[in-house]
Amino acid sequence: MSIKFDNVKFAYKEYNGDNVIFENLSFVIPTNEISFITGLSGTGKSTILKLIKGILRQQSGEIIKPKNTEIGLVFQHPEIQFFESTVKKEISFGLKNKKLKEYDIEKKLFDIVDKLELNREILEKSPFELSSGEKRIVAIASILIMQPKVLLLDEPTAALDGITTKKIMNLLKDLTKEDITVVIVSHNEKIIDKYSDNKIELKNRKELSNKNRINKIQTEILKIDSRLKLFVSIFLVIFTIIKPFSFYTYIYVSLVII
């Protein structure tokens, strides 16, 4: 199932009014692909992930997506979602809430650990003692063990070395072959160019609202450009004809004519 935003508006409530992050936002995230969401800070990239997950709700518009229980989210700083004393307990926490038998939990745990190439020796360690790369992989493991249809990640390779970055990105790419849709927020253009199947770029707070609005902006820019060219042409004519006037007179007369 693809994810679709249709004319979505979202604003954070603040003491002095609504802080509109975006409005009339429309796009589609294809199924079983890696889609990147990129753009400047403050344009709502992380907000989009939270809307997909169901942590936040839009003020207007429609979001078509799988159920919240079928969507997993890995935060930029994975340690904020850790709360168990060991890696083993952290990864298997969701399964225990499903009240599965201990044997089944152990089997799924080791399957996912081996799949992600985690060293089994870290299972008894505290997740807070791990390296940045290990923390991210453990966070991903705790989501994947629940067999989600959609995996959301906020800057999963930030501050990681090249080897760990490549390992995580290859892992995420392989997940799309297992019918998992991967959505990543990232600023890393090299990673985006190499791994993206689909790219959503937020250039400003109302980008991607609709093509008519973008065309309108482009038309206004062309009008301004035309006026500037006209101003220069008239100014040169006046400068040639009225030599005795001062430079500021030329500017004033040209502006009045425009």
C-alpha atoms as a PDB file:
ATOM      1  CA  MET A   1       0.000   0.000   0.000  1.00  0.00           C
ATOM      2  CA  SER A   2       1.407   3.373  -1.015  1.00  0.00           C
ATOM      3  CA  ILE A   3       1.354   6.441   1.255  1.00  0.00           C
ATOM      4  CA  LYS A   4      -0.506   9.453  -0.070  1.00  0.00           C
ATOM      5  CA  PHE A   5      -0.717  13.034   1.221  1.00  0.00           C
ATOM      6  CA  ASP A   6      -3.589  14.980  -0.310  1.00  0.00           C
ATOM      7  CA  ASN A   7      -3.689  18.744   0.410  1.00  0.00           C
ATOM      8  CA  VAL A   8      -2.429  18.245   3.954  1.00  0.00           C
ATOM      9  CA  LYS A   9      -2.048  21.161   6.358  1.00  0.00           C
ATOM     10  CA  PHE A  10      -0.187  20.951   9.655  1.00  0.00           C
ATOM     11  CA  ALA A  11       0.527  23.648  12.233  1.00  0.00           C
ATOM     12  CA  TYR A  12       2.012  23.513  15.729  1.00  0.00           C
ATOM     13  CA  LYS A  13      -0.006  25.326  18.369  1.00  0.00           C
ATOM     14  CA  GLU A  14       1.992  28.133  19.988  1.00  0.00           C
ATOM     15  CA  TYR A  15       1.169  30.799  22.573  1.00  0.00           C
ATOM     16  CA  ASN A  16       0.965  33.530  19.927  1.00  0.00           C
ATOM     17  CA  GLY A  17      -0.977  31.494  17.360  1.00  0.00           C
ATOM     18  CA  ASP A  18      -0.506  28.656  14.908  1.00  0.00           C
ATOM     19  CA  ASN A  19       2.934  27.990  13.452  1.00  0.00           C
ATOM     20  CA  VAL A  20       2.023  26.626  10.017  1.00  0.00           C
ATOM     21  CA  ILE A  21       4.658  24.133   8.855  1.00  0.00           C
ATOM     22  CA  PHE A  22       3.008  23.351   5.524  1.00  0.00           C
ATOM     23  CA  GLU A  23      -0.377  23.468   3.831  1.00  0.00           C
ATOM     24  CA  ASN A  24      -1.868  21.977   0.662  1.00  0.00           C
ATOM     25  CA  LEU A  25       0.963  19.427   0.746  1.00  0.00           C
ATOM     26  CA  SER A  26       0.455  16.584  -1.747  1.00  0.00           C
ATOM     27  CA  PHE A  27       2.725  13.709  -2.743  1.00  0.00           C
ATOM     28  CA  VAL A  28       2.811   9.914  -3.067  1.00  0.00           C
ATOM     29  CA  ILE A  29       5.340   7.479  -1.551  1.00  0.00           C
ATOM     30  CA  PRO A  30       5.433   4.276  -3.655  1.00  0.00           C
ATOM     31  CA  THR A  31       5.223   0.840  -2.072  1.00  0.00           C
ATOM     32  CA  ASN A  32       8.355  -1.261  -1.470  1.00  0.00           C
ATOM     33  CA  GLU A  33      10.836   1.444  -2.439  1.00  0.00           C
ATOM     34  CA  ILE A  34      13.298   3.705  -0.629  1.00  0.00           C
ATOM     35  CA  SER A  35      11.887   7.226  -0.579  1.00  0.00           C
ATOM     36  CA  PHE A  36      13.928  10.141   0.735  1.00  0.00           C
ATOM     37  CA  ILE A  37      12.455  13.304   2.198  1.00  0.00           C
ATOM     38  CA  THR A  38      14.930  16.159   2.002  1.00  0.00           C
ATOM     39  CA  GLY A  39      14.996  19.930   2.260  1.00  0.00           C
ATOM     40  CA  LEU A  40      15.980  22.857   4.444  1.00  0.00           C
ATOM     41  CA  SER A  41      15.569  22.840   8.219  1.00  0.00           C
ATOM     42  CA  GLY A  42      12.100  23.844   9.374  1.00  0.00           C
ATOM     43  CA  THR A  43      10.275  22.673   6.259  1.00  0.00           C
ATOM     44  CA  GLY A  44       8.585  19.790   8.085  1.00  0.00           C
ATOM     45  CA  LYS A  45      10.576  16.658   7.178  1.00  0.00           C
ATOM     46  CA  SER A  46      10.426  15.044  10.620  1.00  0.00           C
ATOM     47  CA  THR A  47       6.850  16.263  11.008  1.00  0.00           C
ATOM     48  CA  ILE A  48       5.892  14.243   7.919  1.00  0.00           C
ATOM     49  CA  LEU A  49       7.304  11.073   9.523  1.00  0.00           C
ATOM     50  CA  LYS A  50       5.308  11.701  12.702  1.00  0.00           C
ATOM     51  CA  LEU A  51       2.138  12.263  10.672  1.00  0.00           C
ATOM     52  CA  ILE A  52       2.681   8.978   8.816  1.00  0.00           C
ATOM     53  CA  LYS A  53       3.270   7.150  12.094  1.00  0.00           C
ATOM     54  CA  GLY A  54       0.201   8.735  13.688  1.00  0.00           C
ATOM     55  CA  ILE A  55       2.048  10.575  16.456  1.00  0.00           C
ATOM     56  CA  LEU A  56       0.685  13.846  15.064  1.00  0.00           C
ATOM     57  CA  ARG A  57      -2.567  14.626  13.263  1.00  0.00           C
ATOM     58  CA  GLN A  58      -3.061  17.071  10.418  1.00  0.00           C
ATOM     59  CA  GLN A  59      -5.474  20.017  10.663  1.00  0.00           C
ATOM     60  CA  SER A  60      -6.874  19.388   7.188  1.00  0.00           C
ATOM     61  CA  GLY A  61      -6.368  17.218   4.122  1.00  0.00           C
ATOM     62  CA  GLU A  62      -6.133  13.446   3.881  1.00  0.00           C
ATOM     63  CA  ILE A  63      -3.328  10.970   4.573  1.00  0.00           C
ATOM     64  CA  ILE A  64      -3.809   7.492   3.144  1.00  0.00           C
ATOM     65  CA  LYS A  65      -1.485   4.928   4.740  1.00  0.00           C
ATOM     66  CA  PRO A  66      -1.327   1.555   6.485  1.00  0.00           C
ATOM     67  CA  LYS A  67      -2.472   1.195  10.099  1.00  0.00           C
ATOM     68  CA  ASN A  68      -0.233   2.768  12.750  1.00  0.00           C
ATOM     69  CA  THR A  69       0.609  -0.681  14.123  1.00  0.00           C
ATOM     70  CA  GLU A  70       2.074  -1.601  10.720  1.00  0.00           C
ATOM     71  CA  ILE A  71       4.435   1.390  10.723  1.00  0.00           C
ATOM     72  CA  GLY A  72       7.742   1.625  12.603  1.00  0.00           C
ATOM     73  CA  LEU A  73       9.677   4.822  13.340  1.00  0.00           C
ATOM     74  CA  VAL A  74      13.377   5.126  14.210  1.00  0.00           C
ATOM     75  CA  PHE A  75      14.240   8.555  15.626  1.00  0.00           C
ATOM     76  CA  GLN A  76      17.376  10.511  14.737  1.00  0.00           C
ATOM     77  CA  HIS A  77      18.722   9.835  18.228  1.00  0.00           C
ATOM     78  CA  PRO A  78      17.658   6.215  18.850  1.00  0.00           C
ATOM     79  CA  GLU A  79      18.651   6.267  22.515  1.00  0.00           C
ATOM     80  CA  ILE A  80      15.568   8.360  23.292  1.00  0.00           C
ATOM     81  CA  GLN A  81      13.416   5.347  22.427  1.00  0.00           C
ATOM     82  CA  PHE A  82      15.471   2.912  24.533  1.00  0.00           C
ATOM     83  CA  PHE A  83      14.198   2.063  28.002  1.00  0.00           C
ATOM     84  CA  GLU A  84      15.212  -1.552  28.676  1.00  0.00           C
ATOM     85  CA  SER A  85      18.335  -2.601  30.598  1.00  0.00           C
ATOM     86  CA  THR A  86      19.776  -4.903  27.892  1.00  0.00           C
ATOM     87  CA  VAL A  87      19.840  -5.053  24.109  1.00  0.00           C
ATOM     88  CA  LYS A  88      18.081  -8.414  24.229  1.00  0.00           C
ATOM     89  CA  LYS A  89      15.159  -7.009  26.217  1.00  0.00           C
ATOM     90  CA  GLU A  90      15.043  -3.900  24.042  1.00  0.00           C
ATOM     91  CA  ILE A  91      14.722  -5.789  20.771  1.00  0.00           C
ATOM     92  CA  SER A  92      12.220  -8.338  22.063  1.00  0.00           C
ATOM     93  CA  PHE A  93      10.048  -5.901  24.054  1.00  0.00           C
ATOM     94  CA  GLY A  94       7.343  -5.626  21.396  1.00  0.00           C
ATOM     95  CA  LEU A  95       6.990  -9.388  21.058  1.00  0.00           C
ATOM     96  CA  LYS A  96       6.573  -9.804  24.807  1.00  0.00           C
ATOM     97  CA  ASN A  97       3.672  -7.383  24.695  1.00  0.00           C
ATOM     98  CA  LYS A  98       2.081  -9.745  22.183  1.00  0.00           C
ATOM     99  CA  LYS A  99       2.372 -12.472  24.828  1.00  0.00           C
ATOM    100  CA  LEU A 100       4.228 -14.899  22.565  1.00  0.00           C
ATOM    101  CA  LYS A 101       5.856 -17.990  24.005  1.00  0.00           C
ATOM    102  CA  GLU A 102       9.444 -17.533  25.178  1.00  0.00           C
ATOM    103  CA  TYR A 103      10.697 -20.036  22.596  1.00  0.00           C
ATOM    104  CA  ASP A 104       9.109 -18.102  19.734  1.00  0.00           C
ATOM    105  CA  ILE A 105      10.485 -14.814  21.040  1.00  0.00           C
ATOM    106  CA  GLU A 106      14.015 -16.257  21.279  1.00  0.00           C
ATOM    107  CA  LYS A 107      13.830 -17.618  17.735  1.00  0.00           C
ATOM    108  CA  LYS A 108      12.633 -14.328  16.244  1.00  0.00           C
ATOM    109  CA  LEU A 109      15.214 -12.422  18.276  1.00  0.00           C
ATOM    110  CA  PHE A 110      18.172 -14.448  17.014  1.00  0.00           C
ATOM    111  CA  ASP A 111      16.812 -14.419  13.467  1.00  0.00           C
ATOM    112  CA  ILE A 112      16.721 -10.630  13.380  1.00  0.00           C
ATOM    113  CA  VAL A 113      20.088 -10.273  15.154  1.00  0.00           C
ATOM    114  CA  ASP A 114      21.757 -12.554  12.628  1.00  0.00           C
ATOM    115  CA  LYS A 115      20.000 -10.875   9.713  1.00  0.00           C
ATOM    116  CA  LEU A 116      21.326  -7.468  10.780  1.00  0.00           C
ATOM    117  CA  GLU A 117      24.761  -8.935  11.468  1.00  0.00           C
ATOM    118  CA  LEU A 118      24.760  -7.879  15.107  1.00  0.00           C
ATOM    119  CA  ASN A 119      27.252  -9.596  17.364  1.00  0.00           C
ATOM    120  CA  ARG A 120      25.282 -11.774  19.810  1.00  0.00           C
ATOM    121  CA  GLU A 121      27.699 -10.770  22.532  1.00  0.00           C
ATOM    122  CA  ILE A 122      26.097  -7.335  22.779  1.00  0.00           C
ATOM    123  CA  LEU A 123      22.685  -8.797  23.683  1.00  0.00           C
ATOM    124  CA  GLU A 124      23.466  -8.638  27.400  1.00  0.00           C
ATOM    125  CA  LYS A 125      24.903  -5.120  27.209  1.00  0.00           C
ATOM    126  CA  SER A 126      22.981  -1.950  27.953  1.00  0.00           C
ATOM    127  CA  PRO A 127      21.793  -0.340  24.694  1.00  0.00           C
ATOM    128  CA  PHE A 128      23.081   2.990  26.043  1.00  0.00           C
ATOM    129  CA  GLU A 129      26.663   1.649  26.045  1.00  0.00           C
ATOM    130  CA  LEU A 130      26.735   0.873  22.326  1.00  0.00           C
ATOM    131  CA  SER A 131      28.387   2.840  19.536  1.00  0.00           C
ATOM    132  CA  SER A 132      26.253   5.198  17.444  1.00  0.00           C
ATOM    133  CA  GLY A 133      26.070   2.671  14.605  1.00  0.00           C
ATOM    134  CA  GLU A 134      25.122  -0.191  16.928  1.00  0.00           C
ATOM    135  CA  LYS A 135      22.409   1.923  18.566  1.00  0.00           C
ATOM    136  CA  ARG A 136      20.805   2.604  15.202  1.00  0.00           C
ATOM    137  CA  ILE A 137      20.920  -1.038  14.179  1.00  0.00           C
ATOM    138  CA  VAL A 138      19.408  -2.109  17.516  1.00  0.00           C
ATOM    139  CA  ALA A 139      16.648   0.476  17.070  1.00  0.00           C
ATOM    140  CA  ILE A 140      15.981  -0.859  13.565  1.00  0.00           C
ATOM    141  CA  ALA A 141      15.996  -4.428  14.897  1.00  0.00           C
ATOM    142  CA  SER A 142      13.410  -3.568  17.570  1.00  0.00           C
ATOM    143  CA  ILE A 143      11.117  -2.330  14.795  1.00  0.00           C
ATOM    144  CA  LEU A 144      11.768  -5.044  12.207  1.00  0.00           C
ATOM    145  CA  ILE A 145      11.084  -7.849  14.681  1.00  0.00           C
ATOM    146  CA  MET A 146       7.462  -6.608  14.679  1.00  0.00           C
ATOM    147  CA  GLN A 147       7.279  -7.149  10.885  1.00  0.00           C
ATOM    148  CA  PRO A 148       6.128  -3.665   9.816  1.00  0.00           C
ATOM    149  CA  LYS A 149       4.946  -2.780   6.331  1.00  0.00           C
ATOM    150  CA  VAL A 150       6.550   0.672   6.537  1.00  0.00           C
ATOM    151  CA  LEU A 151       9.850   1.682   8.151  1.00  0.00           C
ATOM    152  CA  LEU A 152      10.437   5.397   8.828  1.00  0.00           C
ATOM    153  CA  LEU A 153      13.906   6.688   9.704  1.00  0.00           C
ATOM    154  CA  ASP A 154      15.019  10.183  10.692  1.00  0.00           C
ATOM    155  CA  GLU A 155      18.658  10.823   9.646  1.00  0.00           C
ATOM    156  CA  PRO A 156      19.739   7.182  10.161  1.00  0.00           C
ATOM    157  CA  THR A 157      23.330   7.781   8.991  1.00  0.00           C
ATOM    158  CA  ALA A 158      24.034  11.090  10.752  1.00  0.00           C
ATOM    159  CA  ALA A 159      27.503  11.183  12.379  1.00  0.00           C
ATOM    160  CA  LEU A 160      28.334   7.633  11.237  1.00  0.00           C
ATOM    161  CA  ASP A 161      31.554   6.579   9.503  1.00  0.00           C
ATOM    162  CA  GLY A 162      31.525   5.479   5.873  1.00  0.00           C
ATOM    163  CA  ILE A 163      31.624   1.737   6.576  1.00  0.00           C
ATOM    164  CA  THR A 164      28.700   1.816   9.033  1.00  0.00           C
ATOM    165  CA  THR A 165      26.722   4.122   6.736  1.00  0.00           C
ATOM    166  CA  LYS A 166      27.145   1.709   3.833  1.00  0.00           C
ATOM    167  CA  LYS A 167      26.143  -1.245   6.008  1.00  0.00           C
ATOM    168  CA  ILE A 168      22.940   0.426   7.200  1.00  0.00           C
ATOM    169  CA  MET A 169      21.961   1.709   3.755  1.00  0.00           C
ATOM    170  CA  ASN A 170      22.517  -1.699   2.117  1.00  0.00           C
ATOM    171  CA  LEU A 171      20.382  -3.221   4.863  1.00  0.00           C
ATOM    172  CA  LEU A 172      17.579  -0.743   4.214  1.00  0.00           C
ATOM    173  CA  LYS A 173      17.806  -1.329   0.468  1.00  0.00           C
ATOM    174  CA  ASP A 174      17.443  -5.071   0.992  1.00  0.00           C
ATOM    175  CA  LEU A 175      14.311  -4.522   3.098  1.00  0.00           C
ATOM    176  CA  THR A 176      12.433  -3.227   0.051  1.00  0.00           C
ATOM    177  CA  LYS A 177      12.841  -6.700  -1.486  1.00  0.00           C
ATOM    178  CA  GLU A 178      10.906  -8.059   1.494  1.00  0.00           C
ATOM    179  CA  ASP A 179       7.819  -5.921   0.822  1.00  0.00           C
ATOM    180  CA  ILE A 180       8.800  -3.174   3.248  1.00  0.00           C
ATOM    181  CA  THR A 181       8.429   0.477   2.271  1.00  0.00           C
ATOM    182  CA  VAL A 182      11.341   2.568   3.575  1.00  0.00           C
ATOM    183  CA  VAL A 183      11.032   6.327   4.104  1.00  0.00           C
ATOM    184  CA  ILE A 184      14.138   8.279   5.134  1.00  0.00           C
ATOM    185  CA  VAL A 185      14.705  11.888   6.143  1.00  0.00           C
ATOM    186  CA  SER A 186      18.226  12.893   5.130  1.00  0.00           C
ATOM    187  CA  HIS A 187      20.439  15.813   4.091  1.00  0.00           C
ATOM    188  CA  ASN A 188      23.156  13.564   2.648  1.00  0.00           C
ATOM    189  CA  GLU A 189      22.990  14.112  -1.115  1.00  0.00           C
ATOM    190  CA  LYS A 190      25.528  11.365  -1.862  1.00  0.00           C
ATOM    191  CA  ILE A 191      23.396   8.767  -0.098  1.00  0.00           C
ATOM    192  CA  ILE A 192      20.223  10.101  -1.693  1.00  0.00           C
ATOM    193  CA  ASP A 193      21.723   9.931  -5.195  1.00  0.00           C
ATOM    194  CA  LYS A 194      22.986   6.390  -4.641  1.00  0.00           C
ATOM    195  CA  TYR A 195      20.078   4.733  -2.855  1.00  0.00           C
ATOM    196  CA  SER A 196      16.873   6.636  -3.595  1.00  0.00           C
ATOM    197  CA  ASP A 197      14.053   5.213  -5.688  1.00  0.00           C
ATOM    198  CA  ASN A 198      11.959   8.291  -4.978  1.00  0.00           C
ATOM    199  CA  LYS A 199      12.829  11.776  -3.697  1.00  0.00           C
ATOM    200  CA  ILE A 200      10.546  14.359  -2.099  1.00  0.00           C
ATOM    201  CA  GLU A 201      12.205  17.756  -1.719  1.00  0.00           C
ATOM    202  CA  LEU A 202      10.723  20.442   0.510  1.00  0.00           C
ATOM    203  CA  LYS A 203      12.135  23.780  -0.621  1.00  0.00           C
ATOM    204  CA  ASN A 204       9.988  25.994   1.588  1.00  0.00           C
ATOM    205  CA  ARG A 205       7.023  25.687   3.924  1.00  0.00           C
ATOM    206  CA  LYS A 206       4.462  25.491   1.120  1.00  0.00           C
ATOM    207  CA  GLU A 207       6.451  23.545  -1.468  1.00  0.00           C
ATOM    208  CA  LEU A 208       4.710  20.632  -3.190  1.00  0.00           C
ATOM    209  CA  SER A 209       1.313  22.201  -2.495  1.00  0.00           C
ATOM    210  CA  ASN A 210       0.281  22.163  -6.130  1.00  0.00           C
ATOM    211  CA  LYS A 211       1.717  22.877  -9.569  1.00  0.00           C
ATOM    212  CA  ASN A 212      -0.497  25.931 -10.098  1.00  0.00           C
ATOM    213  CA  ARG A 213       1.051  27.719  -7.149  1.00  0.00           C
ATOM    214  CA  ILE A 214       4.590  26.933  -8.316  1.00  0.00           C
ATOM    215  CA  ASN A 215       3.750  28.166 -11.810  1.00  0.00           C
ATOM    216  CA  LYS A 216       2.300  31.353 -10.343  1.00  0.00           C
ATOM    217  CA  ILE A 217       5.521  32.031  -8.454  1.00  0.00           C
ATOM    218  CA  GLN A 218       7.584  31.447 -11.599  1.00  0.00           C
ATOM    219  CA  THR A 219       5.314  33.862 -13.546  1.00  0.00           C
ATOM    220  CA  GLU A 220       5.775  36.596 -10.940  1.00  0.00           C
ATOM    221  CA  ILE A 221       9.546  36.152 -11.123  1.00  0.00           C
ATOM    222  CA  LEU A 222       9.423  36.563 -14.902  1.00  0.00           C
ATOM    223  CA  LYS A 223       7.363  39.749 -14.497  1.00  0.00           C
ATOM    224  CA  ILE A 224       9.922  41.202 -12.090  1.00  0.00           C
ATOM    225  CA  ASP A 225      12.742  40.265 -14.455  1.00  0.00           C
ATOM    226  CA  SER A 226      10.956  41.971 -17.379  1.00  0.00           C
ATOM    227  CA  ARG A 227      10.431  45.161 -15.354  1.00  0.00           C
ATOM    228  CA  LEU A 228      14.092  45.244 -14.427  1.00  0.00           C
ATOM    229  CA  LYS A 229      15.165  44.950 -18.055  1.00  0.00           C
ATOM    230  CA  LEU A 230      12.738  47.716 -19.024  1.00  0.00           C
ATOM    231  CA  PHE A 231      14.093  49.959 -16.277  1.00  0.00           C
ATOM    232  CA  VAL A 232      17.681  49.520 -17.497  1.00  0.00           C
ATOM    233  CA  SER A 233      16.704  50.249 -21.112  1.00  0.00           C
ATOM    234  CA  ILE A 234      14.807  53.450 -20.255  1.00  0.00           C
ATOM    235  CA  PHE A 235      17.545  54.621 -17.934  1.00  0.00           C
ATOM    236  CA  LEU A 236      20.167  54.301 -20.672  1.00  0.00           C
ATOM    237  CA  VAL A 237      17.991  56.296 -23.095  1.00  0.00           C
ATOM    238  CA  ILE A 238      17.470  59.058 -20.529  1.00  0.00           C
ATOM    239  CA  PHE A 239      21.165  59.087 -19.635  1.00  0.00           C
ATOM    240  CA  THR A 240      22.028  59.637 -23.297  1.00  0.00           C
ATOM    241  CA  ILE A 241      19.475  62.412 -23.931  1.00  0.00           C
ATOM    242  CA  ILE A 242      19.637  64.413 -20.671  1.00  0.00           C
ATOM    243  CA  LYS A 243      23.336  64.615 -19.893  1.00  0.00           C
ATOM    244  CA  PRO A 244      23.164  67.791 -17.741  1.00  0.00           C
ATOM    245  CA  PHE A 245      21.003  66.123 -15.047  1.00  0.00           C
ATOM    246  CA  SER A 246      22.590  64.514 -12.027  1.00  0.00           C
ATOM    247  CA  PHE A 247      22.856  60.766 -11.616  1.00  0.00           C
ATOM    248  CA  TYR A 248      20.076  60.746  -8.996  1.00  0.00           C
ATOM    249  CA  THR A 249      17.802  62.591 -11.402  1.00  0.00           C
ATOM    250  CA  TYR A 250      18.238  59.795 -13.917  1.00  0.00           C
ATOM    251  CA  ILE A 251      17.208  57.241 -11.288  1.00  0.00           C
ATOM    252  CA  TYR A 252      14.189  59.288 -10.188  1.00  0.00           C
ATOM    253  CA  VAL A 253      12.875  59.911 -13.733  1.00  0.00           C
ATOM    254  CA  SER A 254      13.320  56.257 -14.673  1.00  0.00           C
ATOM    255  CA  LEU A 255      11.387  55.052 -11.615  1.00  0.00           C
ATOM    256  CA  VAL A 256       8.520  57.480 -12.290  1.00  0.00           C
ATOM    257  CA  ILE A 257       8.232  56.281 -15.878  1.00  0.00           C
ATOM    258  CA  ILE A 258       8.230  52.603 -14.782  1.00  0.00           C
END
